[in-house]
Amino acid sequence: MANIAGRKKRIIVTTAVLAAIGGGAAFAYWSATGTGAGQATAAAASVPFTFVSQAATGGPLSPGGPQQTVAFTVTNPGTGVQNLADVAVTVDEAWSVGTTLPCTAADFTVGPVVVTKGSINAGASVNGTVKVTMINSATNQDNCKGVTVPLVFSAS
């Protein structure tokens, strides 16, 4: 029994000594400051908006007659937010039909364009509409009968 009591004393004393040594241990370190450089690369250019137009609705175009409405969608195919400041729609200036009495872009008016302007998130779209009218000119417009008027959409 005395052996057990002496053994317990040694365990308690050893534990106390180890705790005192470990508890009083000091840790040293160096302090330092520094600088560094890094970089990130922005896209080299914005990604052009894309347009998809729908079939025109409304009565058939005729000199001074009804308007047609063309619905369209503008999409931001880029990877970041892009600003849609304006949308312009025109009749393709290079287009004409007929030779003697040509039907040209000058036979039509386009507008107003209605679209929500502002920031468009990556992959998002906004919808818009535009009106197309055939003007009543002082010349024969027979070559404009039955034509499909080519529209050009542009965004800024």
N, C-alpha and C. Protein backbone atom coordinates (compact mmCIF):
# COMPACT_ATOMS: atom_id res chain seq x y z
N MET A 1 0.82 -1.17 0.00
CA MET A 1 0.00 0.00 0.00
C MET A 1 0.87 1.25 0.00
N ALA A 2 1.99 1.18 0.70
CA ALA A 2 2.90 2.31 0.72
C ALA A 2 3.48 2.54 -0.67
N ASN A 3 3.65 1.46 -1.37
CA ASN A 3 4.14 1.55 -2.74
C ASN A 3 3.16 2.30 -3.64
N ILE A 4 1.89 2.07 -3.44
CA ILE A 4 0.86 2.71 -4.26
C ILE A 4 0.79 4.19 -3.93
N ALA A 5 0.89 4.53 -2.63
CA ALA A 5 0.84 5.93 -2.22
C ALA A 5 2.05 6.67 -2.75
N GLY A 6 3.23 6.06 -2.72
CA GLY A 6 4.44 6.69 -3.25
C GLY A 6 4.36 6.87 -4.77
N ARG A 7 3.75 5.93 -5.39
CA ARG A 7 3.58 6.00 -6.85
C ARG A 7 2.65 7.14 -7.21
N LYS A 8 1.56 7.30 -6.47
CA LYS A 8 0.60 8.38 -6.72
C LYS A 8 1.27 9.74 -6.53
N LYS A 9 2.12 9.83 -5.49
CA LYS A 9 2.83 11.08 -5.24
C LYS A 9 3.73 11.44 -6.41
N ARG A 10 4.46 10.46 -6.92
CA ARG A 10 5.36 10.71 -8.05
C ARG A 10 4.59 11.15 -9.28
N ILE A 11 3.44 10.57 -9.54
CA ILE A 11 2.62 10.94 -10.70
C ILE A 11 2.12 12.38 -10.54
N ILE A 12 1.68 12.73 -9.33
CA ILE A 12 1.16 14.08 -9.09
C ILE A 12 2.28 15.09 -9.22
N VAL A 13 3.44 14.82 -8.64
CA VAL A 13 4.58 15.74 -8.70
C VAL A 13 5.05 15.89 -10.14
N THR A 14 5.17 14.79 -10.87
CA THR A 14 5.62 14.84 -12.27
C THR A 14 4.64 15.64 -13.12
N THR A 15 3.37 15.45 -12.91
CA THR A 15 2.36 16.18 -13.67
C THR A 15 2.44 17.67 -13.35
N ALA A 16 2.63 18.03 -12.10
CA ALA A 16 2.73 19.44 -11.71
C ALA A 16 3.96 20.07 -12.33
N VAL A 17 5.09 19.36 -12.35
CA VAL A 17 6.33 19.90 -12.92
C VAL A 17 6.16 20.11 -14.42
N LEU A 18 5.59 19.12 -15.09
CA LEU A 18 5.39 19.26 -16.55
C LEU A 18 4.43 20.40 -16.87
N ALA A 19 3.40 20.58 -16.07
CA ALA A 19 2.44 21.66 -16.30
C ALA A 19 3.13 23.00 -16.09
N ALA A 20 3.99 23.09 -15.08
CA ALA A 20 4.70 24.34 -14.81
C ALA A 20 5.66 24.68 -15.94
N ILE A 21 6.35 23.68 -16.44
CA ILE A 21 7.29 23.91 -17.54
C ILE A 21 6.54 24.30 -18.80
N GLY A 22 5.47 23.57 -19.12
CA GLY A 22 4.70 23.86 -20.34
C GLY A 22 3.97 25.18 -20.25
N GLY A 23 3.44 25.50 -19.07
CA GLY A 23 2.69 26.74 -18.89
C GLY A 23 3.60 27.95 -18.93
N GLY A 24 4.84 27.77 -18.59
CA GLY A 24 5.77 28.90 -18.57
C GLY A 24 6.59 29.00 -19.83
N ALA A 25 6.32 28.15 -20.82
CA ALA A 25 7.11 28.18 -22.04
C ALA A 25 6.83 29.47 -22.80
N ALA A 26 7.84 30.04 -23.39
CA ALA A 26 7.71 31.28 -24.15
C ALA A 26 7.80 30.96 -25.64
N PHE A 27 7.05 31.71 -26.41
CA PHE A 27 7.09 31.57 -27.85
C PHE A 27 7.65 32.85 -28.43
N ALA A 28 8.57 32.73 -29.32
CA ALA A 28 9.18 33.91 -29.93
C ALA A 28 8.85 33.93 -31.41
N TYR A 29 8.81 35.14 -31.97
CA TYR A 29 8.55 35.28 -33.41
C TYR A 29 9.15 36.59 -33.88
N TRP A 30 9.32 36.72 -35.17
CA TRP A 30 9.76 37.96 -35.78
C TRP A 30 8.54 38.68 -36.33
N SER A 31 8.50 39.98 -36.21
CA SER A 31 7.44 40.73 -36.87
C SER A 31 8.00 41.25 -38.19
N ALA A 32 7.13 41.41 -39.15
CA ALA A 32 7.59 41.87 -40.46
C ALA A 32 6.45 42.58 -41.17
N THR A 33 6.79 43.36 -42.15
CA THR A 33 5.82 43.99 -43.05
C THR A 33 6.30 43.71 -44.46
N GLY A 34 5.45 43.98 -45.42
CA GLY A 34 5.87 43.75 -46.80
C GLY A 34 4.83 44.27 -47.77
N THR A 35 5.16 44.25 -49.01
CA THR A 35 4.24 44.64 -50.08
C THR A 35 4.34 43.61 -51.18
N GLY A 36 3.38 43.63 -52.07
CA GLY A 36 3.39 42.70 -53.19
C GLY A 36 2.57 43.28 -54.32
N ALA A 37 2.54 42.63 -55.40
CA ALA A 37 1.77 43.08 -56.56
C ALA A 37 1.03 41.89 -57.14
N GLY A 38 -0.09 42.17 -57.75
CA GLY A 38 -0.87 41.15 -58.43
C GLY A 38 -1.60 41.80 -59.58
N GLN A 39 -2.33 41.03 -60.30
CA GLN A 39 -3.05 41.63 -61.42
C GLN A 39 -4.25 40.78 -61.80
N ALA A 40 -5.20 41.43 -62.42
CA ALA A 40 -6.37 40.78 -62.99
C ALA A 40 -6.56 41.39 -64.37
N THR A 41 -7.16 40.67 -65.26
CA THR A 41 -7.31 41.15 -66.63
C THR A 41 -8.78 41.34 -66.94
N ALA A 42 -9.12 42.53 -67.40
CA ALA A 42 -10.49 42.84 -67.81
C ALA A 42 -10.67 42.41 -69.27
N ALA A 43 -11.90 42.23 -69.65
CA ALA A 43 -12.20 41.86 -71.03
C ALA A 43 -11.62 42.91 -71.97
N ALA A 44 -11.13 42.48 -73.11
CA ALA A 44 -10.52 43.39 -74.07
C ALA A 44 -11.56 44.27 -74.76
N ALA A 45 -12.79 43.80 -74.82
CA ALA A 45 -13.84 44.58 -75.48
C ALA A 45 -15.19 44.10 -74.97
N SER A 46 -16.18 44.95 -75.13
CA SER A 46 -17.52 44.52 -74.78
C SER A 46 -18.03 43.58 -75.87
N VAL A 47 -19.02 42.80 -75.52
CA VAL A 47 -19.59 41.85 -76.47
C VAL A 47 -20.82 42.52 -77.10
N PRO A 48 -20.93 42.54 -78.42
CA PRO A 48 -22.07 43.20 -79.04
C PRO A 48 -23.40 42.57 -78.63
N PHE A 49 -24.40 43.44 -78.42
CA PHE A 49 -25.75 42.96 -78.15
C PHE A 49 -26.24 42.17 -79.36
N THR A 50 -27.15 41.24 -79.14
CA THR A 50 -27.76 40.52 -80.25
C THR A 50 -29.24 40.88 -80.31
N PHE A 51 -29.79 40.82 -81.51
CA PHE A 51 -31.20 41.15 -81.73
C PHE A 51 -31.90 39.98 -82.39
N VAL A 52 -33.14 39.77 -81.98
CA VAL A 52 -34.03 38.82 -82.64
C VAL A 52 -35.34 39.56 -82.82
N SER A 53 -35.83 39.62 -84.07
CA SER A 53 -37.10 40.30 -84.31
C SER A 53 -38.18 39.28 -84.65
N GLN A 54 -39.41 39.67 -84.38
CA GLN A 54 -40.58 38.83 -84.65
C GLN A 54 -41.24 39.30 -85.94
N ALA A 55 -42.18 38.53 -86.42
CA ALA A 55 -42.94 38.92 -87.61
C ALA A 55 -43.75 40.17 -87.30
N ALA A 56 -43.87 41.03 -88.29
CA ALA A 56 -44.62 42.27 -88.12
C ALA A 56 -46.10 41.97 -87.94
N THR A 57 -46.74 42.81 -87.12
CA THR A 57 -48.19 42.70 -86.93
C THR A 57 -48.83 44.01 -87.37
N GLY A 58 -50.09 43.94 -87.76
CA GLY A 58 -50.81 45.12 -88.21
C GLY A 58 -51.22 44.96 -89.66
N GLY A 59 -51.92 45.96 -90.18
CA GLY A 59 -52.39 45.90 -91.56
C GLY A 59 -51.26 45.98 -92.55
N PRO A 60 -51.52 45.59 -93.80
CA PRO A 60 -50.47 45.63 -94.81
C PRO A 60 -50.04 47.07 -95.09
N LEU A 61 -48.74 47.25 -95.31
CA LEU A 61 -48.23 48.58 -95.61
C LEU A 61 -48.69 49.03 -96.99
N SER A 62 -49.08 50.27 -97.05
CA SER A 62 -49.47 50.90 -98.32
C SER A 62 -49.21 52.39 -98.19
N PRO A 63 -49.09 53.12 -99.30
CA PRO A 63 -48.77 54.55 -99.22
C PRO A 63 -49.76 55.29 -98.30
N GLY A 64 -49.23 55.85 -97.22
CA GLY A 64 -50.05 56.58 -96.27
C GLY A 64 -50.99 55.70 -95.46
N GLY A 65 -50.84 54.39 -95.56
CA GLY A 65 -51.75 53.44 -94.90
C GLY A 65 -51.33 53.10 -93.50
N PRO A 66 -51.79 51.95 -93.03
CA PRO A 66 -51.57 51.57 -91.63
C PRO A 66 -50.10 51.26 -91.33
N GLN A 67 -49.78 51.35 -90.04
CA GLN A 67 -48.45 50.99 -89.57
C GLN A 67 -48.40 49.51 -89.24
N GLN A 68 -47.19 48.99 -89.24
CA GLN A 68 -46.96 47.65 -88.71
C GLN A 68 -46.04 47.79 -87.51
N THR A 69 -46.19 46.87 -86.57
CA THR A 69 -45.36 46.85 -85.37
C THR A 69 -44.48 45.62 -85.42
N VAL A 70 -43.20 45.85 -85.20
CA VAL A 70 -42.23 44.75 -85.16
C VAL A 70 -41.70 44.66 -83.73
N ALA A 71 -41.93 43.51 -83.10
CA ALA A 71 -41.41 43.25 -81.76
C ALA A 71 -39.99 42.68 -81.90
N PHE A 72 -39.13 43.03 -80.95
CA PHE A 72 -37.76 42.51 -80.98
C PHE A 72 -37.26 42.30 -79.56
N THR A 73 -36.18 41.52 -79.47
CA THR A 73 -35.53 41.24 -78.20
C THR A 73 -34.06 41.60 -78.33
N VAL A 74 -33.53 42.32 -77.35
CA VAL A 74 -32.10 42.64 -77.28
C VAL A 74 -31.52 41.80 -76.16
N THR A 75 -30.44 41.07 -76.46
CA THR A 75 -29.81 40.18 -75.47
C THR A 75 -28.36 40.60 -75.25
N ASN A 76 -27.94 40.53 -74.00
CA ASN A 76 -26.54 40.76 -73.65
C ASN A 76 -25.86 39.39 -73.56
N PRO A 77 -25.10 38.98 -74.58
CA PRO A 77 -24.45 37.68 -74.54
C PRO A 77 -23.12 37.69 -73.78
N GLY A 78 -22.74 38.84 -73.24
CA GLY A 78 -21.47 38.98 -72.55
C GLY A 78 -21.46 38.31 -71.18
N THR A 79 -20.32 38.42 -70.51
CA THR A 79 -20.14 37.80 -69.19
C THR A 79 -20.36 38.78 -68.05
N GLY A 80 -20.64 40.03 -68.38
CA GLY A 80 -20.88 41.04 -67.35
C GLY A 80 -22.02 41.94 -67.74
N VAL A 81 -22.36 42.85 -66.86
CA VAL A 81 -23.43 43.81 -67.11
C VAL A 81 -22.99 44.79 -68.19
N GLN A 82 -23.88 45.06 -69.14
CA GLN A 82 -23.61 46.06 -70.18
C GLN A 82 -24.77 47.04 -70.22
N ASN A 83 -24.46 48.29 -70.57
CA ASN A 83 -25.47 49.33 -70.61
C ASN A 83 -26.05 49.47 -72.01
N LEU A 84 -27.37 49.41 -72.09
CA LEU A 84 -28.07 49.66 -73.35
C LEU A 84 -28.52 51.12 -73.31
N ALA A 85 -27.79 51.98 -74.02
CA ALA A 85 -28.10 53.41 -74.01
C ALA A 85 -29.19 53.76 -75.02
N ASP A 86 -29.18 53.07 -76.17
CA ASP A 86 -30.16 53.39 -77.20
C ASP A 86 -30.25 52.25 -78.21
N VAL A 87 -31.38 52.18 -78.88
CA VAL A 87 -31.57 51.24 -79.98
C VAL A 87 -32.07 52.05 -81.18
N ALA A 88 -31.42 51.84 -82.30
CA ALA A 88 -31.84 52.50 -83.54
C ALA A 88 -32.29 51.42 -84.52
N VAL A 89 -33.36 51.70 -85.25
CA VAL A 89 -33.85 50.77 -86.26
C VAL A 89 -34.05 51.58 -87.53
N THR A 90 -33.50 51.06 -88.62
CA THR A 90 -33.63 51.72 -89.92
C THR A 90 -33.96 50.68 -90.98
N VAL A 91 -34.41 51.16 -92.14
CA VAL A 91 -34.54 50.28 -93.29
C VAL A 91 -33.16 50.21 -93.93
N ASP A 92 -32.73 49.02 -94.32
CA ASP A 92 -31.42 48.83 -94.93
C ASP A 92 -31.26 49.76 -96.13
N GLU A 93 -30.33 50.70 -96.02
CA GLU A 93 -30.12 51.71 -97.07
C GLU A 93 -29.68 51.10 -98.40
N ALA A 94 -29.02 49.95 -98.37
CA ALA A 94 -28.54 49.31 -99.59
C ALA A 94 -29.65 48.56 -100.32
N TRP A 95 -30.81 48.42 -99.71
CA TRP A 95 -31.91 47.65 -100.27
C TRP A 95 -32.71 48.48 -101.26
N SER A 96 -33.05 47.88 -102.37
CA SER A 96 -34.01 48.47 -103.31
C SER A 96 -34.57 47.35 -104.17
N VAL A 97 -35.79 47.57 -104.64
CA VAL A 97 -36.46 46.59 -105.49
C VAL A 97 -36.93 47.34 -106.74
N GLY A 98 -36.68 46.76 -107.89
CA GLY A 98 -37.12 47.38 -109.15
C GLY A 98 -36.05 48.31 -109.69
N THR A 99 -36.17 48.59 -110.97
CA THR A 99 -35.17 49.45 -111.62
C THR A 99 -35.79 50.74 -112.15
N THR A 100 -36.88 50.65 -112.89
CA THR A 100 -37.50 51.84 -113.46
C THR A 100 -38.13 52.70 -112.37
N LEU A 101 -38.92 52.08 -111.52
CA LEU A 101 -39.56 52.76 -110.39
C LEU A 101 -39.16 52.02 -109.12
N PRO A 102 -37.94 52.25 -108.62
CA PRO A 102 -37.48 51.43 -107.50
C PRO A 102 -38.22 51.73 -106.19
N CYS A 103 -38.38 50.68 -105.41
CA CYS A 103 -38.86 50.80 -104.04
C CYS A 103 -37.60 50.79 -103.19
N THR A 104 -37.40 51.82 -102.37
CA THR A 104 -36.17 51.94 -101.59
C THR A 104 -36.50 52.23 -100.13
N ALA A 105 -35.47 52.34 -99.33
CA ALA A 105 -35.62 52.68 -97.92
C ALA A 105 -36.34 54.02 -97.75
N ALA A 106 -36.19 54.91 -98.73
CA ALA A 106 -36.81 56.23 -98.65
C ALA A 106 -38.34 56.16 -98.71
N ASP A 107 -38.90 55.02 -99.11
CA ASP A 107 -40.35 54.86 -99.17
C ASP A 107 -40.97 54.52 -97.81
N PHE A 108 -40.16 54.38 -96.78
CA PHE A 108 -40.65 53.94 -95.47
C PHE A 108 -40.09 54.82 -94.36
N THR A 109 -40.85 54.93 -93.29
CA THR A 109 -40.35 55.55 -92.06
C THR A 109 -40.37 54.50 -90.96
N VAL A 110 -39.44 54.65 -90.05
CA VAL A 110 -39.32 53.70 -88.95
C VAL A 110 -39.29 54.48 -87.64
N GLY A 111 -40.12 54.08 -86.70
CA GLY A 111 -40.09 54.71 -85.39
C GLY A 111 -41.49 55.05 -84.93
N PRO A 112 -41.65 55.25 -83.71
CA PRO A 112 -40.61 55.30 -82.68
C PRO A 112 -40.20 53.90 -82.22
N VAL A 113 -39.00 53.85 -81.66
CA VAL A 113 -38.50 52.62 -81.05
C VAL A 113 -38.82 52.70 -79.56
N VAL A 114 -39.45 51.67 -79.03
CA VAL A 114 -39.79 51.62 -77.61
C VAL A 114 -39.05 50.43 -77.00
N VAL A 115 -38.13 50.72 -76.07
CA VAL A 115 -37.36 49.67 -75.41
C VAL A 115 -36.89 50.21 -74.06
N THR A 116 -36.77 49.33 -73.09
CA THR A 116 -36.26 49.73 -71.77
C THR A 116 -34.75 49.84 -71.86
N LYS A 117 -34.24 51.02 -71.61
CA LYS A 117 -32.79 51.26 -71.66
C LYS A 117 -32.20 51.10 -70.27
N GLY A 118 -30.90 50.88 -70.22
CA GLY A 118 -30.21 50.75 -68.94
C GLY A 118 -29.37 49.50 -68.89
N SER A 119 -29.04 49.10 -67.69
CA SER A 119 -28.15 47.95 -67.47
C SER A 119 -28.86 46.64 -67.80
N ILE A 120 -28.15 45.79 -68.54
CA ILE A 120 -28.66 44.45 -68.84
C ILE A 120 -27.63 43.46 -68.32
N ASN A 121 -28.05 42.60 -67.42
CA ASN A 121 -27.15 41.59 -66.84
C ASN A 121 -26.68 40.61 -67.91
N ALA A 122 -25.59 39.93 -67.62
CA ALA A 122 -25.05 38.92 -68.53
C ALA A 122 -26.10 37.87 -68.82
N GLY A 123 -26.33 37.60 -70.09
CA GLY A 123 -27.29 36.58 -70.50
C GLY A 123 -28.74 37.02 -70.46
N ALA A 124 -29.00 38.23 -69.99
CA ALA A 124 -30.38 38.72 -69.88
C ALA A 124 -30.81 39.44 -71.16
N SER A 125 -32.12 39.65 -71.27
CA SER A 125 -32.70 40.29 -72.46
C SER A 125 -33.73 41.33 -72.06
N VAL A 126 -33.98 42.26 -72.97
CA VAL A 126 -35.10 43.19 -72.85
C VAL A 126 -35.87 43.17 -74.16
N ASN A 127 -37.17 43.43 -74.07
CA ASN A 127 -38.02 43.43 -75.25
C ASN A 127 -38.34 44.85 -75.67
N GLY A 128 -38.60 45.01 -76.96
CA GLY A 128 -38.97 46.31 -77.49
C GLY A 128 -39.86 46.17 -78.70
N THR A 129 -40.33 47.32 -79.20
CA THR A 129 -41.13 47.36 -80.43
C THR A 129 -40.71 48.55 -81.27
N VAL A 130 -41.00 48.47 -82.54
CA VAL A 130 -40.77 49.58 -83.45
C VAL A 130 -41.90 49.60 -84.48
N LYS A 131 -42.28 50.79 -84.89
CA LYS A 131 -43.35 50.97 -85.89
C LYS A 131 -42.71 51.20 -87.26
N VAL A 132 -43.34 50.64 -88.30
CA VAL A 132 -42.90 50.84 -89.69
C VAL A 132 -44.10 51.35 -90.48
N THR A 133 -43.88 52.41 -91.27
CA THR A 133 -44.94 53.01 -92.08
C THR A 133 -44.42 53.23 -93.49
N MET A 134 -45.30 53.06 -94.48
CA MET A 134 -44.95 53.40 -95.86
C MET A 134 -45.43 54.83 -96.11
N ILE A 135 -44.52 55.67 -96.57
CA ILE A 135 -44.90 57.07 -96.80
C ILE A 135 -45.73 57.18 -98.08
N ASN A 136 -46.44 58.25 -98.21
CA ASN A 136 -47.20 58.54 -99.42
C ASN A 136 -46.40 59.56 -100.21
N SER A 137 -45.57 59.07 -101.16
CA SER A 137 -44.74 59.99 -101.93
C SER A 137 -45.50 60.48 -103.15
N ALA A 138 -44.94 61.45 -103.81
CA ALA A 138 -45.58 62.01 -105.01
C ALA A 138 -45.26 61.21 -106.26
N THR A 139 -44.61 60.04 -106.09
CA THR A 139 -44.24 59.21 -107.25
C THR A 139 -44.94 57.87 -107.16
N ASN A 140 -44.90 57.16 -108.26
CA ASN A 140 -45.48 55.83 -108.34
C ASN A 140 -44.68 54.88 -107.43
N GLN A 141 -45.39 54.16 -106.58
CA GLN A 141 -44.74 53.24 -105.64
C GLN A 141 -45.15 51.78 -105.91
N ASP A 142 -45.52 51.49 -107.16
CA ASP A 142 -45.97 50.14 -107.50
C ASP A 142 -44.93 49.07 -107.19
N ASN A 143 -43.64 49.37 -107.31
CA ASN A 143 -42.61 48.36 -107.04
C ASN A 143 -42.51 48.00 -105.56
N CYS A 144 -43.24 48.72 -104.72
CA CYS A 144 -43.24 48.40 -103.29
C CYS A 144 -44.34 47.39 -102.94
N LYS A 145 -45.16 47.04 -103.90
CA LYS A 145 -46.24 46.08 -103.61
C LYS A 145 -45.65 44.72 -103.24
N GLY A 146 -46.08 44.17 -102.09
CA GLY A 146 -45.71 42.82 -101.69
C GLY A 146 -44.27 42.65 -101.22
N VAL A 147 -43.53 43.73 -101.04
CA VAL A 147 -42.12 43.57 -100.62
C VAL A 147 -42.02 43.28 -99.12
N THR A 148 -40.91 42.69 -98.76
CA THR A 148 -40.55 42.53 -97.36
C THR A 148 -39.47 43.56 -97.07
N VAL A 149 -39.75 44.44 -96.14
CA VAL A 149 -38.85 45.57 -95.86
C VAL A 149 -37.78 45.12 -94.86
N PRO A 150 -36.49 45.16 -95.26
CA PRO A 150 -35.41 44.71 -94.37
C PRO A 150 -35.05 45.78 -93.34
N LEU A 151 -35.15 45.42 -92.07
CA LEU A 151 -34.81 46.35 -90.99
C LEU A 151 -33.43 46.04 -90.45
N VAL A 152 -32.72 47.09 -90.04
CA VAL A 152 -31.39 46.96 -89.43
C VAL A 152 -31.49 47.50 -88.01
N PHE A 153 -31.13 46.66 -87.03
CA PHE A 153 -31.17 47.02 -85.62
C PHE A 153 -29.75 47.31 -85.15
N SER A 154 -29.57 48.36 -84.38
CA SER A 154 -28.26 48.63 -83.81
C SER A 154 -28.44 49.17 -82.39
N ALA A 155 -27.50 48.82 -81.54
CA ALA A 155 -27.54 49.24 -80.14
C ALA A 155 -26.29 50.03 -79.80
N SER A 156 -26.45 50.94 -78.89
CA SER A 156 -25.29 51.68 -78.39
C SER A 156 -25.41 51.77 -76.89
